[in-house]
């Protein structure tokens, strides 16, 4: 661990997607001293840089937080492990690398809630500022920013057939699925990959910033609780390889630990629902009922289809001599299956008439996994050829919660997802499955497929499909809202992301999002952090 100063201007807790952006922006001028603390190790594993390495990383507790979610009354949810990145770059170092922005209306809706400055005009500028887009500059894309964004390379026949089937279903084919003129469409996915290697937030924002003398980064250090002086946060109690220690800051502590760990740290520090804190053995310092509440998360269903021709699927590339060849191809050329994101193609669609924007997202890859007989290490590629398509309701209205159980920082949390608990979510969930099945029956995709293997065509009724979401579903790892911002006293932060009722504390991560953006959240949280840095620097001026 590097030597620490007696105090810093800014203490950033969590070196994930948001924390890396903040560390870069707040240290750029050289006027402010910044300390960034990460619970996990440095991002030195070669599996982080190799895009397909994330499959192994997700089962490595050194690089990933593994939180167990609860079942819900009535069997509405199955137990599931929620993975979160625990290394420099956070989840951007272990995710599937799909880059989406969300729909402009997502952010205009935030301003309509009373959150001035969080509309699409502001967030659109932030997206363009962070991007270095391989497709080039346009009204809808940025170039010259820190984050490299690229289209899927090495198109293949299975993805081409998927896109053509989407077009046959009436979806416009798009070169850039992030075109804000209208989210409806099908095409190849955008990715955070550069020259065949993962381009995480740590690579994009933190690596260049670490040359600055006013930025200190420490890893393998957990935060047990925040430290207070009267009603102001001025530091944190930490545990590193050498034991416990404290750090202090003069301006602000910024929580960027994510939608699960940020409310956990607040609750361990006595900030949260008063009665629940007492029940967990924590003395309340500031009663805030909404800490850990209002969580929204995507529920994903894995659908799989057997393919007629092994050459149409990547499955055999993941075992035996072909796997060795794929690894060598990646090592020398940074090409091939190991250089690809989790999914190569995707779509946004409206599941039924009368909607003003898409309510379902699809992502597709030319591989299939052993979902029905997964072992302790999770599903592995099937021996027979297949493709996988995931479907999810884009903007779930169902809300869950997270809460500590004990004052011990290492004790498990309670996570109640409460997926698909609203009619709106269930309608979109069922409709997404029916749309995928209709696509699979359309040429040219139908000509490649033998049959549906997961969940299987026998699961045909609405109730069957909802059961399939429980049996073969997963969290999307996109949770938001557990410390949401808003205009009223009930909201945890104001529109400048300052925690109400206490000084010197802000939250900058997915937990402040009042609703979930329409798609994967890694891009939106980096844009949110870029916008947040503007606010922090304005307040420091």
Protein backbone atom coordinates (compact mmCIF):
# COMPACT_ATOMS: atom_id res chain seq x y z
CA UNK A 1 0.00 0.00 0.00
CA UNK A 2 1.40 3.46 -0.86
CA UNK A 3 2.09 5.88 2.00
CA UNK A 4 -0.98 7.87 2.97
CA UNK A 5 -1.21 11.59 3.65
CA UNK A 6 -2.79 12.91 6.83
CA UNK A 7 -5.76 14.12 4.86
CA UNK A 8 -7.17 14.43 1.34
CA UNK A 9 -9.61 16.80 -0.29
CA UNK A 10 -11.70 13.97 -1.71
CA UNK A 11 -12.08 10.37 -0.61
CA UNK A 12 -13.71 8.15 -3.26
CA UNK A 13 -14.96 4.79 -1.97
CA UNK A 14 -15.06 2.23 -4.75
CA UNK A 15 -12.93 2.09 -7.92
CA UNK A 16 -15.70 0.82 -10.17
CA UNK A 17 -17.07 2.45 -13.30
CA UNK A 18 -18.15 5.63 -11.48
CA UNK A 19 -15.19 5.81 -9.11
CA UNK A 20 -12.65 5.62 -11.94
CA UNK A 21 -14.36 8.47 -13.80
CA UNK A 22 -14.41 10.60 -10.65
CA UNK A 23 -10.77 9.88 -9.81
CA UNK A 24 -9.78 11.07 -13.27
CA UNK A 25 -11.94 14.18 -13.35
CA UNK A 26 -11.33 15.39 -9.78
CA UNK A 27 -7.55 15.00 -10.04
CA UNK A 28 -7.10 16.55 -13.51
CA UNK A 29 -6.50 20.14 -12.47
CA UNK A 30 -3.89 19.20 -9.88
CA UNK A 31 -5.63 21.48 -7.37
CA UNK A 32 -7.27 18.70 -5.34
CA UNK A 33 -5.77 15.72 -3.55
CA UNK A 34 -7.79 12.56 -4.19
CA UNK A 35 -7.70 9.17 -2.47
CA UNK A 36 -9.43 6.27 -4.24
CA UNK A 37 -10.03 3.11 -2.22
CA UNK A 38 -10.92 -0.26 -3.78
CA UNK A 39 -11.88 -3.40 -1.84
CA UNK A 40 -10.45 -5.76 -4.45
CA UNK A 41 -7.02 -6.17 -6.06
CA UNK A 42 -5.42 -4.41 -8.99
CA UNK A 43 -6.78 -5.33 -12.41
CA UNK A 44 -3.67 -7.31 -13.33
CA UNK A 45 -5.29 -10.64 -14.23
CA UNK A 46 -4.92 -11.47 -17.96
CA UNK A 47 -8.50 -12.76 -17.82
CA UNK A 48 -9.66 -9.16 -17.37
CA UNK A 49 -8.08 -7.97 -20.60
CA UNK A 50 -9.21 -11.02 -22.59
CA UNK A 51 -12.91 -10.35 -23.28
CA UNK A 52 -14.15 -13.93 -22.96
CA UNK A 53 -12.17 -14.31 -19.72
CA UNK A 54 -15.11 -12.87 -17.79
CA UNK A 55 -16.71 -16.33 -17.68
CA UNK A 56 -13.92 -17.50 -15.36
CA UNK A 57 -13.69 -14.22 -13.46
CA UNK A 58 -17.33 -14.41 -12.36
CA UNK A 59 -16.45 -17.45 -10.24
CA UNK A 60 -13.31 -15.92 -8.71
CA UNK A 61 -14.13 -14.44 -5.27
CA UNK A 62 -10.90 -12.44 -5.33
CA UNK A 63 -12.16 -10.35 -8.26
CA UNK A 64 -15.93 -10.54 -7.73
CA UNK A 65 -18.34 -9.86 -4.89
CA UNK A 66 -20.79 -12.77 -4.69
CA UNK A 67 -24.01 -11.74 -2.93
CA UNK A 68 -26.76 -14.26 -2.31
CA UNK A 69 -30.25 -12.95 -3.00
CA UNK A 70 -33.27 -14.21 -1.07
CA UNK A 71 -36.31 -16.05 -2.30
CA UNK A 72 -39.62 -14.21 -1.98
CA UNK A 73 -42.91 -15.34 -0.42
CA UNK A 74 -44.90 -17.56 -2.73
CA UNK A 75 -41.82 -18.71 -4.62
CA UNK A 76 -41.80 -15.61 -6.80
CA UNK A 77 -38.00 -15.73 -7.09
CA UNK A 78 -35.28 -18.36 -7.08
CA UNK A 79 -32.10 -17.92 -5.03
CA UNK A 80 -29.35 -16.40 -7.16
CA UNK A 81 -25.83 -15.16 -6.79
CA UNK A 82 -25.44 -11.49 -7.67
CA UNK A 83 -21.97 -10.80 -9.05
CA UNK A 84 -20.30 -7.41 -8.76
CA UNK A 85 -16.78 -6.46 -9.80
CA UNK A 86 -14.23 -6.36 -6.97
CA UNK A 87 -11.12 -5.01 -8.65
CA UNK A 88 -9.97 -1.78 -10.24
CA UNK A 89 -12.64 -0.97 -12.79
CA UNK A 90 -15.30 -2.74 -10.74
CA UNK A 91 -17.96 -4.41 -12.83
CA UNK A 92 -16.56 -2.84 -16.00
CA UNK A 93 -13.62 -5.26 -15.52
CA UNK A 94 -15.80 -8.38 -15.30
CA UNK A 95 -18.97 -7.59 -17.27
CA UNK A 96 -20.06 -8.64 -20.76
CA UNK A 97 -18.78 -5.37 -22.30
CA UNK A 98 -22.06 -4.47 -24.07
CA UNK A 99 -22.30 -0.68 -24.29
CA UNK A 100 -25.72 0.94 -24.30
CA UNK A 101 -26.80 4.48 -23.44
CA UNK A 102 -30.47 4.00 -22.68
CA UNK A 103 -33.26 5.95 -24.34
CA UNK A 104 -33.25 9.79 -24.20
CA UNK A 105 -36.69 9.68 -22.61
CA UNK A 106 -35.18 7.86 -19.61
CA UNK A 107 -33.24 10.98 -18.66
CA UNK A 108 -35.93 13.47 -19.58
CA UNK A 109 -38.13 11.51 -17.17
CA UNK A 110 -35.55 12.12 -14.42
CA UNK A 111 -35.85 15.87 -14.95
CA UNK A 112 -39.64 15.51 -14.96
CA UNK A 113 -39.29 14.04 -11.46
CA UNK A 114 -37.81 17.38 -10.37
CA UNK A 115 -34.13 16.56 -10.97
CA UNK A 116 -32.87 19.65 -12.79
CA UNK A 117 -29.85 19.04 -14.99
CA UNK A 118 -30.39 15.31 -15.50
CA UNK A 119 -32.25 15.49 -18.80
CA UNK A 120 -31.08 14.02 -22.11
CA UNK A 121 -29.46 17.30 -23.16
CA UNK A 122 -27.09 17.05 -20.18
CA UNK A 123 -26.59 13.30 -20.21
CA UNK A 124 -26.20 13.22 -24.00
CA UNK A 125 -23.31 15.69 -23.69
CA UNK A 126 -21.77 13.49 -20.99
CA UNK A 127 -21.99 10.39 -23.19
CA UNK A 128 -20.30 12.20 -26.08
CA UNK A 129 -17.60 13.51 -23.73
CA UNK A 130 -16.63 10.07 -22.44
CA UNK A 131 -16.71 8.30 -25.82
CA UNK A 132 -14.02 7.58 -28.36
CA UNK A 133 -16.29 5.81 -30.81
CA UNK A 134 -14.83 3.65 -33.54
CA UNK A 135 -17.71 4.50 -35.88
CA UNK A 136 -16.59 8.12 -35.85
CA UNK A 137 -18.05 11.39 -34.67
CA UNK A 138 -21.70 12.14 -35.31
CA UNK A 139 -24.54 13.96 -33.67
CA UNK A 140 -25.12 10.75 -31.75
CA UNK A 141 -21.50 9.75 -31.01
CA UNK A 142 -18.38 11.20 -29.44
CA UNK A 143 -14.72 10.83 -30.41
CA UNK A 144 -11.55 11.73 -28.54
CA UNK A 145 -12.93 10.84 -25.11
CA UNK A 146 -11.30 8.36 -22.74
CA UNK A 147 -13.61 5.37 -23.38
CA UNK A 148 -13.17 3.34 -26.54
CA UNK A 149 -16.45 2.03 -28.00
CA UNK A 150 -16.46 -0.34 -30.96
CA UNK A 151 -18.97 -2.34 -33.01
CA UNK A 152 -18.84 -6.12 -32.93
CA UNK A 153 -16.14 -7.36 -35.28
CA UNK A 154 -15.98 -10.61 -37.21
CA UNK A 155 -19.69 -10.86 -38.12
CA UNK A 156 -20.95 -14.43 -38.46
CA UNK A 157 -23.78 -16.20 -40.24
CA UNK A 158 -25.81 -16.91 -37.10
CA UNK A 159 -25.84 -13.27 -35.98
CA UNK A 160 -26.60 -12.16 -39.54
CA UNK A 161 -29.59 -14.54 -39.58
CA UNK A 162 -30.77 -13.19 -36.21
CA UNK A 163 -30.62 -9.62 -37.51
CA UNK A 164 -32.41 -10.58 -40.73
CA UNK A 165 -35.15 -12.31 -38.73
CA UNK A 166 -35.55 -9.17 -36.63
CA UNK A 167 -35.93 -7.17 -39.82
CA UNK A 168 -38.56 -9.65 -41.01
CA UNK A 169 -40.41 -8.93 -37.75
CA UNK A 170 -40.47 -5.24 -38.65
CA UNK A 171 -37.45 -3.95 -36.71
CA UNK A 172 -35.19 -1.45 -38.48
CA UNK A 173 -31.63 -2.71 -38.96
CA UNK A 174 -29.18 -0.30 -37.33
CA UNK A 175 -25.44 0.20 -37.55
CA UNK A 176 -25.51 1.82 -34.09
CA UNK A 177 -28.11 0.54 -31.63
CA UNK A 178 -27.43 3.63 -29.49
CA UNK A 179 -28.88 6.01 -32.06
CA UNK A 180 -30.97 8.37 -29.87
CA UNK A 181 -33.38 9.23 -32.70
CA UNK A 182 -35.29 6.07 -31.81
CA UNK A 183 -34.29 3.01 -29.82
CA UNK A 184 -36.31 0.48 -31.85
CA UNK A 185 -34.01 -1.68 -33.93
CA UNK A 186 -31.83 -4.75 -34.40
CA UNK A 187 -28.14 -4.99 -35.20
CA UNK A 188 -24.68 -5.78 -33.94
CA UNK A 189 -23.99 -4.64 -30.39
CA UNK A 190 -21.62 -1.87 -29.36
CA UNK A 191 -18.83 -2.91 -26.98
CA UNK A 192 -16.15 -1.50 -24.69
CA UNK A 193 -13.36 -3.38 -26.49
CA UNK A 194 -10.28 -1.90 -28.16
CA UNK A 195 -7.98 -3.87 -30.45
CA UNK A 196 -9.38 -7.13 -29.13
CA UNK A 197 -8.95 -6.28 -25.44
CA UNK A 198 -11.47 -5.23 -22.79
CA UNK A 199 -11.46 -1.47 -22.28
CA UNK A 200 -12.68 -1.07 -18.72
CA UNK A 201 -13.25 2.13 -16.78
CA UNK A 202 -9.89 1.49 -15.10
CA UNK A 203 -8.17 1.28 -18.48
CA UNK A 204 -9.99 4.32 -19.88
CA UNK A 205 -10.04 6.74 -16.95
CA UNK A 206 -7.87 5.52 -14.09
CA UNK A 207 -4.75 4.29 -15.86
CA UNK A 208 -3.88 7.71 -17.38
CA UNK A 209 -4.78 9.49 -14.14
CA UNK A 210 -2.48 7.41 -11.94
CA UNK A 211 0.54 9.32 -13.25
CA UNK A 212 -0.66 12.36 -11.29
CA UNK A 213 0.97 13.00 -7.94
CA UNK A 214 -2.27 14.30 -6.42
CA UNK A 215 -4.08 10.96 -6.92
CA UNK A 216 -3.47 8.05 -4.56
CA UNK A 217 -5.02 4.63 -5.22
CA UNK A 218 -5.09 1.82 -2.68
CA UNK A 219 -6.46 -1.67 -3.28
CA UNK A 220 -7.42 -4.70 -1.16
CA UNK A 221 -8.97 -2.33 1.38
CA UNK A 222 -12.54 -2.57 2.64
CA UNK A 223 -14.59 0.20 4.20
CA UNK A 224 -16.20 -0.77 7.51
CA UNK A 225 -18.03 2.49 8.19
CA UNK A 226 -17.96 6.23 7.64
CA UNK A 227 -16.46 8.58 10.21
CA UNK A 228 -18.35 11.64 11.49
CA UNK A 229 -17.51 14.90 13.17
CA UNK A 230 -20.80 16.19 14.54
CA UNK A 231 -23.17 15.95 11.56
CA UNK A 232 -20.50 15.87 8.88
CA UNK A 233 -18.71 12.91 7.32
CA UNK A 234 -14.96 13.47 7.32
CA UNK A 235 -13.43 10.07 6.65
CA UNK A 236 -13.76 6.29 6.78
CA UNK A 237 -12.70 3.36 8.92
CA UNK A 238 -10.85 0.91 6.68
CA UNK A 239 -9.31 -2.57 6.74
CA UNK A 240 -6.33 -3.33 4.55
CA UNK A 241 -3.69 -6.05 4.36
CA UNK A 242 -1.88 -4.45 7.30
CA UNK A 243 -4.96 -4.21 9.52
CA UNK A 244 -7.47 -1.48 10.40
CA UNK A 245 -6.77 2.21 9.83
CA UNK A 246 -8.62 5.49 9.32
CA UNK A 247 -8.47 8.05 6.54
CA UNK A 248 -9.67 11.67 6.67
CA UNK A 249 -10.71 14.16 4.04
CA UNK A 250 -11.37 17.89 4.08
CA UNK A 251 -13.96 18.42 1.35
CA UNK A 252 -16.09 15.35 0.64
CA UNK A 253 -16.41 11.61 0.94
CA UNK A 254 -17.95 10.18 -2.23
CA UNK A 255 -19.60 6.77 -2.07
CA UNK A 256 -19.20 4.96 -5.39
CA UNK A 257 -19.48 1.42 -4.08
CA UNK A 258 -22.50 0.42 -6.17
CA UNK A 259 -26.19 -0.23 -5.63
CA UNK A 260 -25.50 -2.99 -3.08
CA UNK A 261 -22.42 -1.85 -1.19
CA UNK A 262 -23.26 1.86 -0.96
CA UNK A 263 -26.45 1.28 1.10
CA UNK A 264 -24.57 -1.38 3.10
CA UNK A 265 -21.86 1.13 4.09
CA UNK A 266 -24.47 3.75 4.95
CA UNK A 267 -26.42 1.33 7.13
CA UNK A 268 -23.28 0.10 8.88
CA UNK A 269 -22.56 3.78 9.61
CA UNK A 270 -25.98 4.29 11.20
CA UNK A 271 -27.65 5.95 8.21
CA UNK A 272 -30.80 4.12 7.18
CA UNK A 273 -34.20 2.87 8.41
CA UNK A 274 -33.97 3.42 12.16
CA UNK A 275 -35.92 0.38 13.37
CA UNK A 276 -34.24 -1.93 10.89
CA UNK A 277 -30.83 -0.69 12.00
CA UNK A 278 -31.67 -1.33 15.64
CA UNK A 279 -32.82 -4.84 14.75
CA UNK A 280 -29.46 -5.42 13.04
CA UNK A 281 -27.57 -4.20 16.11
CA UNK A 282 -26.54 -0.80 14.72
CA UNK A 283 -27.23 2.43 16.60
CA UNK A 284 -29.04 4.84 14.23
CA UNK A 285 -27.27 8.14 13.63
CA UNK A 286 -29.58 9.48 10.94
CA UNK A 287 -32.92 7.87 10.23
CA UNK A 288 -33.36 7.59 6.45
CA UNK A 289 -36.07 5.09 5.58
CA UNK A 290 -35.25 4.88 1.86
CA UNK A 291 -31.62 3.71 2.23
CA UNK A 292 -31.65 0.27 0.61
CA UNK A 293 -35.22 0.62 -0.67
CA UNK A 294 -36.65 1.13 -4.19
CA UNK A 295 -34.19 -1.25 -5.83
CA UNK A 296 -34.95 -2.03 -9.46
CA UNK A 297 -33.15 -4.75 -11.38
CA UNK A 298 -33.47 -6.42 -14.76
CA UNK A 299 -34.67 -10.01 -14.73
CA UNK A 300 -33.12 -11.84 -17.67
CA UNK A 301 -34.39 -15.06 -19.24
CA UNK A 302 -31.92 -17.25 -21.11
CA UNK A 303 -33.51 -18.77 -24.21
CA UNK A 304 -31.56 -21.34 -26.22
CA UNK A 305 -32.02 -23.06 -29.58
CA UNK A 306 -30.29 -26.11 -31.03
CA UNK A 307 -28.60 -25.38 -34.38
CA UNK A 308 -28.34 -27.77 -37.30
CA UNK A 309 -24.69 -27.12 -38.15
CA UNK A 310 -21.82 -27.09 -35.64
CA UNK A 311 -20.07 -24.44 -37.73
CA UNK A 312 -22.86 -21.99 -36.89
CA UNK A 313 -22.12 -22.16 -33.14
CA UNK A 314 -19.06 -21.26 -31.09
CA UNK A 315 -19.63 -24.13 -28.65
CA UNK A 316 -16.86 -26.39 -29.89
CA UNK A 317 -14.38 -23.49 -29.66
CA UNK A 318 -14.50 -23.74 -25.88
CA UNK A 319 -13.08 -27.24 -25.34
CA UNK A 320 -10.16 -29.45 -26.31
CA UNK A 321 -7.70 -28.54 -29.00
CA UNK A 322 -10.01 -25.92 -30.45
CA UNK A 323 -9.96 -24.05 -27.13
CA UNK A 324 -6.16 -24.15 -27.11
CA UNK A 325 -6.19 -22.83 -30.67
CA UNK A 326 -8.63 -20.04 -29.75
CA UNK A 327 -6.41 -18.99 -26.84
CA UNK A 328 -3.32 -18.96 -29.06
CA UNK A 329 -5.17 -17.00 -31.73
CA UNK A 330 -6.09 -14.45 -29.10
CA UNK A 331 -2.59 -14.31 -27.61
CA UNK A 332 -0.92 -13.59 -30.95
CA UNK A 333 -3.60 -11.80 -32.97
CA UNK A 334 -6.20 -10.51 -30.44
CA UNK A 335 -8.86 -12.02 -32.69
CA UNK A 336 -11.31 -14.87 -32.66
CA UNK A 337 -13.90 -16.02 -30.16
CA UNK A 338 -11.83 -14.92 -27.14
CA UNK A 339 -11.81 -11.32 -28.40
CA UNK A 340 -15.61 -11.05 -28.45
CA UNK A 341 -18.06 -9.58 -25.95
CA UNK A 342 -20.62 -11.70 -24.12
CA UNK A 343 -23.20 -11.07 -26.88
CA UNK A 344 -22.64 -9.94 -30.44
CA UNK A 345 -26.10 -8.86 -31.61
CA UNK A 346 -29.10 -7.24 -29.97
CA UNK A 347 -32.48 -5.62 -30.41
CA UNK A 348 -34.86 -3.18 -28.77
CA UNK A 349 -38.54 -3.71 -29.47
CA UNK A 350 -42.07 -2.78 -28.50
CA UNK A 351 -43.87 -5.86 -27.32
CA UNK A 352 -47.39 -4.66 -28.08
CA UNK A 353 -49.32 -1.88 -29.84
CA UNK A 354 -49.82 1.46 -28.13
CA UNK A 355 -46.34 1.79 -26.64
CA UNK A 356 -44.36 4.95 -27.38
CA UNK A 357 -40.94 3.29 -27.02
CA UNK A 358 -39.38 -0.17 -26.67
CA UNK A 359 -40.07 -2.15 -23.50
CA UNK A 360 -37.98 -5.29 -24.25
CA UNK A 361 -34.27 -5.80 -24.92
CA UNK A 362 -32.74 -8.85 -26.62
CA UNK A 363 -29.09 -9.87 -26.72
CA UNK A 364 -27.88 -12.81 -28.78
CA UNK A 365 -24.69 -14.85 -29.11
CA UNK A 366 -23.87 -17.92 -31.24
CA UNK A 367 -23.27 -20.24 -28.27
CA UNK A 368 -25.33 -22.19 -25.74
CA UNK A 369 -24.71 -23.31 -22.16
CA UNK A 370 -25.59 -26.26 -19.93
CA UNK A 371 -28.31 -24.33 -18.11
CA UNK A 372 -30.35 -27.38 -17.07
CA UNK A 373 -27.43 -29.24 -15.47
CA UNK A 374 -24.97 -26.56 -14.39
CA UNK A 375 -22.29 -27.61 -11.91
CA UNK A 376 -20.73 -25.77 -9.00
CA UNK A 377 -18.66 -23.63 -11.37
CA UNK A 378 -21.74 -22.57 -13.31
CA UNK A 379 -22.92 -23.48 -16.81
CA UNK A 380 -20.41 -24.62 -19.42
CA UNK A 381 -20.75 -24.60 -23.24
CA UNK A 382 -22.87 -27.44 -24.55
CA UNK A 383 -21.35 -30.20 -26.68
CA UNK A 384 -24.02 -29.77 -29.35
CA UNK A 385 -24.29 -26.54 -31.37
CA UNK A 386 -26.67 -23.86 -30.14
CA UNK A 387 -27.41 -20.17 -29.84
CA UNK A 388 -28.48 -18.15 -26.83
CA UNK A 389 -30.82 -15.16 -26.80
CA UNK A 390 -31.63 -13.32 -23.59
CA UNK A 391 -34.78 -11.28 -23.18
CA UNK A 392 -35.61 -8.80 -20.44
CA UNK A 393 -38.18 -6.12 -19.61
CA UNK A 394 -36.30 -2.87 -20.19
CA UNK A 395 -37.68 -0.63 -17.44
CA UNK A 396 -38.94 -2.78 -14.57
CA UNK A 397 -41.35 -1.15 -12.15
CA UNK A 398 -41.01 -3.92 -9.54
CA UNK A 399 -39.01 -2.80 -6.52
CA UNK A 400 -36.92 -4.76 -4.03
CA UNK A 401 -34.59 -3.84 -1.20
CA UNK A 402 -31.25 -4.56 0.45
CA UNK A 403 -30.42 -4.48 4.17
CA UNK A 404 -27.66 -5.41 6.57
CA UNK A 405 -28.34 -8.18 9.09
CA UNK A 406 -25.66 -7.41 11.66
CA UNK A 407 -23.07 -4.76 12.61
CA UNK A 408 -20.32 -7.03 11.26
CA UNK A 409 -19.18 -5.61 7.88
CA UNK A 410 -18.46 -9.13 6.65
CA UNK A 411 -21.92 -10.50 7.50
CA UNK A 412 -24.18 -11.34 4.54
CA UNK A 413 -26.78 -8.82 3.48
CA UNK A 414 -30.44 -9.48 2.83
CA UNK A 415 -31.29 -8.90 -0.85
CA UNK A 416 -34.95 -9.12 -1.82
CA UNK A 417 -35.23 -8.61 -5.61
CA UNK A 418 -39.02 -8.90 -5.95
CA UNK A 419 -38.72 -9.43 -9.69
CA UNK A 420 -41.77 -9.35 -11.96
CA UNK A 421 -44.11 -8.33 -9.15
CA UNK A 422 -46.07 -5.83 -11.28
CA UNK A 423 -48.48 -6.54 -14.13
CA UNK A 424 -46.49 -4.25 -16.39
CA UNK A 425 -43.28 -6.21 -15.88
CA UNK A 426 -44.98 -9.57 -16.36
CA UNK A 427 -46.64 -8.46 -19.60
CA UNK A 428 -43.31 -7.31 -21.07
CA UNK A 429 -41.53 -10.44 -19.83
CA UNK A 430 -44.00 -12.78 -21.50
CA UNK A 431 -44.19 -10.72 -24.68
CA UNK A 432 -40.40 -10.76 -25.06
CA UNK A 433 -40.36 -14.56 -25.08
CA UNK A 434 -43.13 -14.72 -27.65
CA UNK A 435 -41.26 -12.24 -29.86
CA UNK A 436 -38.07 -14.35 -29.74
CA UNK A 437 -40.05 -17.45 -30.66
CA UNK A 438 -41.62 -15.61 -33.58
CA UNK A 439 -38.15 -14.49 -34.72
CA UNK A 440 -36.90 -18.06 -34.52
CA UNK A 441 -39.70 -19.09 -36.88
CA UNK A 442 -38.73 -16.45 -39.46
CA UNK A 443 -36.33 -17.05 -42.34
CA UNK A 444 -33.40 -17.07 -42.50
CA UNK A 445 -33.02 -17.85 -38.77
CA UNK A 446 -35.60 -20.64 -38.90
CA UNK A 447 -33.52 -22.45 -41.50
CA UNK A 448 -30.63 -22.79 -39.02
CA UNK A 449 -32.62 -24.04 -36.01
CA UNK A 450 -33.62 -27.56 -34.98
CA UNK A 451 -35.72 -26.64 -31.94
CA UNK A 452 -35.93 -24.56 -28.75
CA UNK A 453 -34.07 -26.26 -25.89
CA UNK A 454 -34.45 -23.69 -23.09
CA UNK A 455 -36.97 -23.14 -21.70
CA UNK A 456 -38.53 -25.38 -24.35
CA UNK A 457 -41.59 -25.00 -26.53
CA UNK A 458 -43.67 -26.98 -24.03
CA UNK A 459 -43.57 -23.94 -21.73
CA UNK A 460 -46.24 -22.20 -23.76
CA UNK A 461 -48.72 -20.42 -21.50
CA UNK A 462 -48.13 -17.08 -19.78
CA UNK A 463 -47.77 -18.86 -16.45
CA UNK A 464 -45.30 -21.31 -17.98
CA UNK A 465 -43.20 -18.45 -19.31
CA UNK A 466 -43.16 -16.69 -15.93
CA UNK A 467 -42.09 -19.99 -14.37
CA UNK A 468 -39.27 -20.13 -16.92
CA UNK A 469 -38.03 -16.73 -15.73
CA UNK A 470 -37.72 -18.26 -12.27
CA UNK A 471 -36.09 -21.50 -13.43
CA UNK A 472 -33.77 -20.23 -16.15
CA UNK A 473 -33.50 -16.55 -15.33
CA UNK A 474 -30.81 -14.41 -13.79
CA UNK A 475 -30.31 -10.92 -12.44
CA UNK A 476 -29.04 -8.60 -15.14
CA UNK A 477 -26.45 -7.17 -12.70
CA UNK A 478 -27.97 -3.74 -13.36
CA UNK A 479 -29.49 -2.86 -9.96
CA UNK A 480 -30.28 0.82 -9.32
CA UNK A 481 -32.22 3.05 -6.96
CA UNK A 482 -31.17 1.93 -3.47
CA UNK A 483 -30.11 5.51 -2.58
CA UNK A 484 -32.08 7.31 -5.22
CA UNK A 485 -31.92 11.02 -5.86
CA UNK A 486 -35.06 13.10 -5.85
CA UNK A 487 -36.54 16.50 -5.01
CA UNK A 488 -38.26 15.56 -1.75
CA UNK A 489 -37.00 14.83 1.75
CA UNK A 490 -37.73 11.13 1.27
CA UNK A 491 -35.03 10.88 -1.42
CA UNK A 492 -31.54 10.08 -0.16
CA UNK A 493 -29.70 12.65 -2.29
CA UNK A 494 -30.62 15.92 -3.92
CA UNK A 495 -30.08 16.61 -7.61
CA UNK A 496 -26.43 17.44 -6.94
CA UNK A 497 -26.02 13.98 -5.35
CA UNK A 498 -25.44 15.36 -1.84
CA UNK A 499 -26.81 13.14 0.91
CA UNK A 500 -29.60 14.92 2.74
CA UNK A 501 -29.24 15.44 6.46
CA UNK A 502 -25.46 15.09 6.63
CA UNK A 503 -22.59 17.24 5.36
CA UNK A 504 -19.54 16.24 3.36
CA UNK A 505 -21.08 13.18 1.72
CA UNK A 506 -22.17 12.46 -1.85
CA UNK A 507 -23.19 9.32 -3.67
CA UNK A 508 -22.16 8.76 -7.29
CA UNK A 509 -23.12 5.33 -8.62
CA UNK A 510 -26.14 3.38 -9.86
CA UNK A 511 -27.78 3.56 -6.45
CA UNK A 512 -28.82 7.20 -7.08
CA UNK A 513 -30.65 6.45 -10.34
CA UNK A 514 -34.37 6.93 -9.65
CA UNK A 515 -35.34 4.58 -12.49
CA UNK A 516 -33.39 2.04 -14.48
CA UNK A 517 -32.13 3.16 -17.91
CA UNK A 518 -33.33 1.24 -20.96
CA UNK A 519 -30.46 -1.19 -21.32
CA UNK A 520 -27.16 -2.15 -19.72
CA UNK A 521 -26.08 0.28 -17.00
CA UNK A 522 -22.29 0.47 -17.40
CA UNK A 523 -22.39 3.27 -19.98
CA UNK A 524 -25.05 5.28 -18.13
CA UNK A 525 -23.21 5.17 -14.80
CA UNK A 526 -19.99 6.44 -16.40
CA UNK A 527 -21.92 9.30 -18.00
CA UNK A 528 -23.61 9.97 -14.64
CA UNK A 529 -20.20 10.13 -12.94
CA UNK A 530 -18.90 12.51 -15.61
CA UNK A 531 -21.88 14.77 -14.97
CA UNK A 532 -21.40 14.41 -11.20
CA UNK A 533 -17.77 15.52 -11.50
CA UNK A 534 -18.99 18.72 -13.13
CA UNK A 535 -21.26 19.36 -10.14
CA UNK A 536 -18.56 18.58 -7.58
CA UNK A 537 -16.02 20.85 -9.27
CA UNK A 538 -18.61 23.64 -9.58
CA UNK A 539 -19.27 23.43 -5.85
CA UNK A 540 -15.54 23.50 -5.10
CA UNK A 541 -14.92 26.61 -7.19
